[in-house]
Protein backbone atom coordinates (compact mmCIF):
# COMPACT_ATOMS: atom_id res chain seq x y z
CA MET A 1 109.20 -2.66 97.43
CA THR A 2 112.14 -1.88 97.68
CA ALA A 3 114.39 -1.68 100.85
CA LYS A 4 114.76 0.48 103.32
CA ARG A 5 118.97 2.57 102.79
CA SER A 6 120.97 4.48 104.70
CA ALA A 7 124.21 6.52 104.20
CA GLY A 8 126.81 7.67 106.73
CA ILE A 9 130.18 8.28 107.97
CA LEU A 10 133.07 6.37 110.78
CA LEU A 11 134.52 9.08 111.82
CA PHE A 12 137.82 7.96 112.51
CA ARG A 13 141.47 9.63 114.17
CA GLY A 14 144.54 8.04 114.92
CA ALA A 15 147.96 9.74 114.30
CA GLU A 16 148.54 6.81 113.02
CA ALA A 17 145.60 6.01 110.94
CA GLU A 18 145.36 8.91 109.51
CA ALA A 19 148.34 8.31 107.73
CA GLU A 20 147.69 5.43 106.45
CA ALA A 21 144.81 5.72 104.39
CA LYS A 22 145.56 8.78 103.01
CA GLY A 23 148.74 6.66 101.96
CA ALA A 24 151.42 8.81 103.51
CA GLY A 25 154.40 7.71 103.45
CA ALA A 26 155.54 4.24 105.39
CA ARG A 27 154.50 3.35 108.97
CA ALA A 28 157.84 3.40 111.58
CA ALA A 29 159.33 -0.15 112.36
CA GLY A 30 156.75 -2.42 114.18
CA THR A 31 154.25 0.09 115.69
CA ASP A 32 150.69 -1.00 114.62
CA PRO A 33 148.43 1.67 112.88
CA VAL A 34 145.51 0.12 114.53
CA SER A 35 146.52 0.96 117.94
CA ALA A 36 146.56 4.56 118.04
CA ALA A 37 143.03 4.47 115.37
CA GLN A 38 139.84 5.37 117.48
CA VAL A 39 136.73 5.90 115.89
CA LEU A 40 133.27 8.24 116.98
CA LEU A 41 129.87 6.32 117.01
CA GLY A 42 126.89 7.74 118.98
CA HIS A 43 124.87 5.95 121.47
CA MET A 44 120.94 5.87 119.49
CA GLY A 45 118.09 8.38 121.77
CA GLY A 46 115.29 7.40 122.96
CA PRO A 47 114.14 5.24 125.60
CA PHE A 48 114.23 2.12 124.10
CA TRP A 49 118.38 2.23 123.79
CA ALA A 50 117.91 4.72 127.63
CA ARG A 51 119.31 1.18 129.42
CA LYS A 52 121.33 -0.48 127.60
CA ASP A 53 124.97 0.32 126.21
CA GLU A 54 126.48 -3.10 124.50
CA ARG A 55 125.36 -3.11 120.80
CA ALA A 56 123.59 0.06 121.40
CA TRP A 57 125.43 2.39 119.59
CA SER A 58 126.11 3.45 115.91
CA ILE A 59 127.89 5.05 113.41
CA PRO A 60 126.28 8.34 112.51
CA LYS A 61 124.02 7.67 109.49
CA GLY A 62 120.40 7.63 107.79
CA GLU A 63 118.04 6.60 105.86
CA TYR A 64 117.52 8.76 102.01
CA GLU A 65 115.11 7.92 98.33
CA PRO A 66 116.48 7.07 95.53
CA ASP A 67 116.47 10.38 94.23
CA GLU A 68 119.69 12.02 96.55
CA ALA A 69 123.52 10.35 95.79
CA PRO A 70 123.93 7.91 99.03
CA GLU A 71 127.43 10.09 100.12
CA ALA A 72 125.53 13.25 99.46
CA ALA A 73 122.74 11.94 102.08
CA ALA A 74 125.56 10.51 104.35
CA ARG A 75 126.98 14.06 104.91
CA ARG A 76 123.53 15.59 105.13
CA GLU A 77 122.34 12.68 107.85
CA PHE A 78 125.75 13.68 109.24
CA GLN A 79 124.48 16.88 110.26
CA GLU A 80 121.46 16.21 110.91
CA GLU A 81 122.54 13.55 114.14
CA LEU A 82 125.81 15.63 115.16
CA GLY A 83 124.62 19.18 114.55
CA LEU A 84 127.63 20.30 113.01
CA PRO A 85 128.70 19.18 109.13
CA PRO A 86 131.05 16.70 108.11
CA PRO A 87 134.66 17.70 108.53
CA PRO A 88 136.61 18.58 106.20
CA GLY A 89 138.36 15.46 104.01
CA ASP A 90 138.03 12.44 101.60
CA LEU A 91 135.65 9.39 102.20
CA LEU A 92 136.80 6.72 101.86
CA PRO A 93 133.96 3.41 100.50
CA LEU A 94 133.56 0.43 103.50
CA GLY A 95 130.17 0.15 101.34
CA SER A 96 127.66 -1.35 102.16
CA VAL A 97 126.13 -4.12 104.62
CA GLN A 98 122.33 -5.45 104.44
CA GLN A 99 120.51 -4.93 108.12
CA THR A 100 118.84 -7.85 109.94
CA GLY A 101 115.49 -5.86 109.02
CA GLY A 102 116.16 -5.85 105.75
CA LYS A 103 117.31 -1.83 105.80
CA VAL A 104 120.39 -1.30 103.52
CA VAL A 105 123.31 0.51 105.28
CA THR A 106 126.13 2.25 103.21
CA VAL A 107 129.58 4.13 105.46
CA TRP A 108 132.44 6.03 104.41
CA ALA A 109 135.59 6.43 106.25
CA LEU A 110 136.72 10.05 107.28
CA ALA A 111 139.48 10.56 109.21
CA ALA A 112 139.28 13.79 111.37
CA ASP A 113 138.68 14.69 114.48
CA LEU A 114 135.49 16.47 116.49
CA ASP A 115 135.02 17.33 119.20
CA PRO A 116 132.34 15.56 120.46
CA ARG A 117 131.20 18.42 122.75
CA GLN A 118 129.57 20.37 120.34
CA VAL A 119 127.49 17.64 119.43
CA THR A 120 124.24 19.11 119.45
CA PRO A 121 121.63 15.73 118.41
CA GLY A 122 118.61 15.37 115.88
CA THR A 123 115.75 14.55 117.48
CA PHE A 124 112.80 12.59 116.85
CA GLU A 125 108.88 12.32 118.90
CA MET A 126 107.12 9.09 119.26
CA GLU A 127 104.50 8.17 121.49
CA TRP A 128 105.57 7.50 124.69
CA PRO A 129 104.78 5.25 126.84
CA ARG A 130 103.46 3.17 124.23
CA GLY A 131 99.67 3.88 123.99
CA SER A 132 99.00 6.45 126.06
CA GLY A 133 98.41 8.49 123.29
CA ARG A 134 101.21 11.10 124.01
CA LEU A 135 104.17 11.96 121.60
CA GLN A 136 107.69 13.09 123.37
CA THR A 137 110.98 14.26 121.69
CA PHE A 138 113.77 12.55 122.27
CA PRO A 139 117.08 12.87 121.19
CA GLU A 140 117.93 10.79 117.77
CA ILE A 141 121.48 10.07 119.68
CA ASP A 142 121.70 11.11 122.99
CA ARG A 143 125.28 10.86 123.66
CA VAL A 144 129.07 11.17 121.66
CA ALA A 145 132.29 9.09 121.87
CA TRP A 146 135.33 8.72 120.56
CA LEU A 147 135.87 5.19 120.91
CA ASP A 148 138.82 2.78 119.77
CA LEU A 149 138.64 -0.28 118.22
CA ALA A 150 138.09 -2.67 120.38
CA GLN A 151 135.60 -0.72 122.48
CA ALA A 152 133.22 0.01 119.53
CA ARG A 153 133.35 -3.78 118.37
CA THR A 154 131.68 -4.41 121.97
CA LYS A 155 129.29 -1.38 121.04
CA ILE A 156 127.95 -1.14 117.87
CA VAL A 157 124.65 -3.12 116.63
CA ALA A 158 126.17 -5.89 115.63
CA LYS A 159 125.00 -5.95 112.24
CA GLN A 160 127.53 -2.66 111.45
CA GLU A 161 130.71 -4.35 113.65
CA ILE A 162 131.97 -5.72 110.00
CA PHE A 163 132.17 -1.30 108.59
CA LEU A 164 135.38 -1.41 111.70
CA ASP A 165 135.84 -4.69 110.33
CA ARG A 166 136.39 -3.30 106.99
CA LEU A 167 138.13 0.14 108.40
CA GLU A 168 140.75 -1.75 110.19
CA GLU A 169 141.96 -3.68 107.23
CA ARG A 170 142.01 -0.79 105.03
CA LEU A 171 143.84 0.42 107.64
CA ARG A 172 146.21 -2.36 107.98
CA GLY A 173 147.02 -1.63 104.24
């Protein structure tokens, strides 16, 4: 059996961060390219995550089939999860990681801005309460926020933290 696969896009912003990622010249002496960087994460929706905050945030991502290119899936899932197309720009590969359940997640970073108030998340249905026989609809992501890297490390699900490390390495160059 083939492991499930998921792909996503990690938006980041901050003038220093964008310049560094794009290779747009040297930064000013003594400045830290990571200090202004922020990433856009989504708090996972549904009853399981409703009362959790730490380790309950995720990169916008989703599953794809073997016949779909991972980058195309990342762009599609971004739109499905946030209700907005990914902003224009070059995707920077951050690689893949295998999550605890065996799913392989591949992520790209994208230097761009996005207003969280414009997000209209996709939804999913599940039986809730369990065993009730009633299907309820929940948002895939119930809120979205820009977080600095230190704050994001406390919020993001543990197996995705490696993508923050990889982004930081890339920004530090």
